[in-house]
Amino acid sequence: MSAQILDKNVLLKKWDLDTYKIGVKKYPPSKKEKNDYIFFKKDMTFISMSEGKKESGVWMLNTNGAYIMMTNDKRETVKAHIATLTLKDLVLYFDIDEIREVEVHYSSNL
């Protein structure tokens, strides 16, 4: 993320999983990921749906490092680097070995 200022308020909404991008190729979510989303709330909690499993927890935005730390109710933490953040688009790289090279594209129609 270049000199763009990260505005926490832009994150505060429901982001629906849109596509995955590996290299230059885009892939649609699988059938079981069709309804996946992340909902960042103002009280610094989140609700997410991943492959039909609902999770909730707390999140923190690091504006200097341009990443979001999400800790679920089981105390599992995941770091998501923000590649793009606009009013309608959120592109994340998750700090997870298997998908580190994958751009995860979310969209919002709010």
Protein backbone atom coordinates (compact mmCIF):
# COMPACT_ATOMS: atom_id res chain seq x y z
CA MET A 1 0.00 0.00 0.00
CA SER A 2 1.64 3.21 -1.10
CA ALA A 3 1.18 6.60 0.55
CA GLN A 4 -2.55 6.00 0.78
CA ILE A 5 -3.79 6.72 4.29
CA LEU A 6 -5.59 3.76 5.83
CA ASP A 7 -8.94 4.92 7.12
CA LYS A 8 -10.29 2.53 9.72
CA ASN A 9 -13.82 3.77 9.05
CA VAL A 10 -13.65 2.47 5.48
CA LEU A 11 -13.17 -1.05 6.88
CA LEU A 12 -16.28 -0.87 9.08
CA LYS A 13 -18.72 -2.90 7.01
CA LYS A 14 -19.40 -6.32 5.58
CA TRP A 15 -16.93 -7.45 2.92
CA ASP A 16 -18.06 -10.29 0.65
CA LEU A 17 -15.51 -12.68 -0.82
CA ASP A 18 -15.25 -11.89 -4.51
CA THR A 19 -12.27 -13.60 -6.15
CA TYR A 20 -8.82 -15.02 -5.58
CA LYS A 21 -5.90 -13.86 -7.67
CA ILE A 22 -2.73 -15.88 -8.13
CA GLY A 23 -0.22 -14.13 -10.35
CA VAL A 24 -2.36 -12.60 -13.10
CA LYS A 25 -5.12 -15.22 -13.03
CA LYS A 26 -8.37 -14.72 -11.10
CA TYR A 27 -10.35 -17.57 -9.61
CA PRO A 28 -13.93 -17.54 -8.30
CA PRO A 29 -14.60 -18.81 -4.78
CA SER A 30 -15.51 -22.49 -4.55
CA LYS A 31 -19.12 -23.53 -3.94
CA LYS A 32 -18.59 -23.83 -0.19
CA GLU A 33 -16.94 -20.38 -0.11
CA LYS A 34 -19.72 -18.67 -2.05
CA ASN A 35 -21.16 -16.90 1.00
CA ASP A 36 -17.85 -16.12 2.72
CA TYR A 37 -17.42 -12.67 4.21
CA ILE A 38 -15.73 -10.60 6.92
CA PHE A 39 -17.70 -7.99 8.83
CA PHE A 40 -15.53 -5.49 10.72
CA LYS A 41 -17.50 -3.72 13.45
CA LYS A 42 -16.90 -0.35 15.06
CA ASP A 43 -16.42 -1.93 18.51
CA MET A 44 -13.33 -3.71 17.10
CA THR A 45 -15.03 -7.09 16.86
CA PHE A 46 -15.55 -9.06 13.67
CA ILE A 47 -17.78 -11.79 12.33
CA SER A 48 -16.61 -13.91 9.44
CA MET A 49 -17.93 -16.80 7.41
CA SER A 50 -15.39 -19.17 5.94
CA GLU A 51 -16.51 -22.27 4.05
CA GLY A 52 -19.82 -22.22 5.93
CA LYS A 53 -18.18 -21.86 9.36
CA LYS A 54 -19.00 -18.70 11.29
CA GLU A 55 -16.28 -17.16 13.43
CA SER A 56 -16.09 -14.10 15.58
CA GLY A 57 -13.44 -12.31 17.54
CA VAL A 58 -11.57 -9.05 17.83
CA TRP A 59 -9.49 -7.14 15.30
CA MET A 60 -6.87 -4.44 15.28
CA LEU A 61 -5.65 -2.26 12.42
CA ASN A 62 -1.97 -1.41 12.18
CA THR A 63 -1.85 1.62 9.90
CA ASN A 64 1.98 1.79 9.78
CA GLY A 65 2.37 -1.81 8.68
CA ALA A 66 -0.89 -1.79 6.68
CA TYR A 67 -2.24 -4.96 8.19
CA ILE A 68 -5.17 -6.25 10.22
CA MET A 69 -4.70 -8.66 13.12
CA MET A 70 -7.76 -10.81 13.75
CA THR A 71 -8.02 -13.00 16.84
CA ASN A 72 -10.99 -15.37 16.99
CA ASP A 73 -12.76 -16.61 20.08
CA LYS A 74 -10.40 -19.62 20.23
CA ARG A 75 -7.50 -17.16 20.53
CA GLU A 76 -6.19 -18.06 17.06
CA THR A 77 -4.65 -15.03 15.40
CA VAL A 78 -4.29 -14.31 11.71
CA LYS A 79 -2.51 -11.39 10.13
CA ALA A 80 -3.89 -9.97 6.88
CA HIS A 81 -1.79 -7.50 4.89
CA ILE A 82 -3.85 -4.85 3.12
CA ALA A 83 -2.94 -4.52 -0.55
CA THR A 84 -5.92 -2.33 -1.50
CA LEU A 85 -8.60 -0.57 0.49
CA THR A 86 -11.24 1.59 -1.19
CA LEU A 87 -14.92 2.15 -0.44
CA LYS A 88 -15.85 -0.87 -2.57
CA ASP A 89 -12.72 -3.05 -2.65
CA LEU A 90 -10.56 -4.76 -0.06
CA VAL A 91 -7.62 -6.89 -1.17
CA LEU A 92 -5.81 -8.90 1.48
CA TYR A 93 -2.79 -11.20 1.67
CA PHE A 94 -3.16 -13.57 4.60
CA ASP A 95 -0.03 -14.47 6.56
CA ILE A 96 -0.72 -18.20 6.18
CA ASP A 97 1.86 -20.40 4.46
CA GLU A 98 -0.51 -22.21 2.08
CA ILE A 99 -2.07 -19.02 0.72
CA ARG A 100 0.66 -16.41 1.23
CA GLU A 101 0.92 -15.75 -2.53
CA VAL A 102 -2.84 -15.45 -3.02
CA GLU A 103 -4.57 -12.09 -3.30
CA VAL A 104 -7.97 -12.39 -1.64
CA HIS A 105 -10.43 -9.89 -3.14
CA TYR A 106 -13.45 -8.73 -1.17
CA SER A 107 -16.10 -6.30 -2.32
CA SER A 108 -18.73 -4.22 -0.58
CA ASN A 109 -21.81 -2.67 -2.05
CA LEU A 110 -22.38 -0.32 0.90
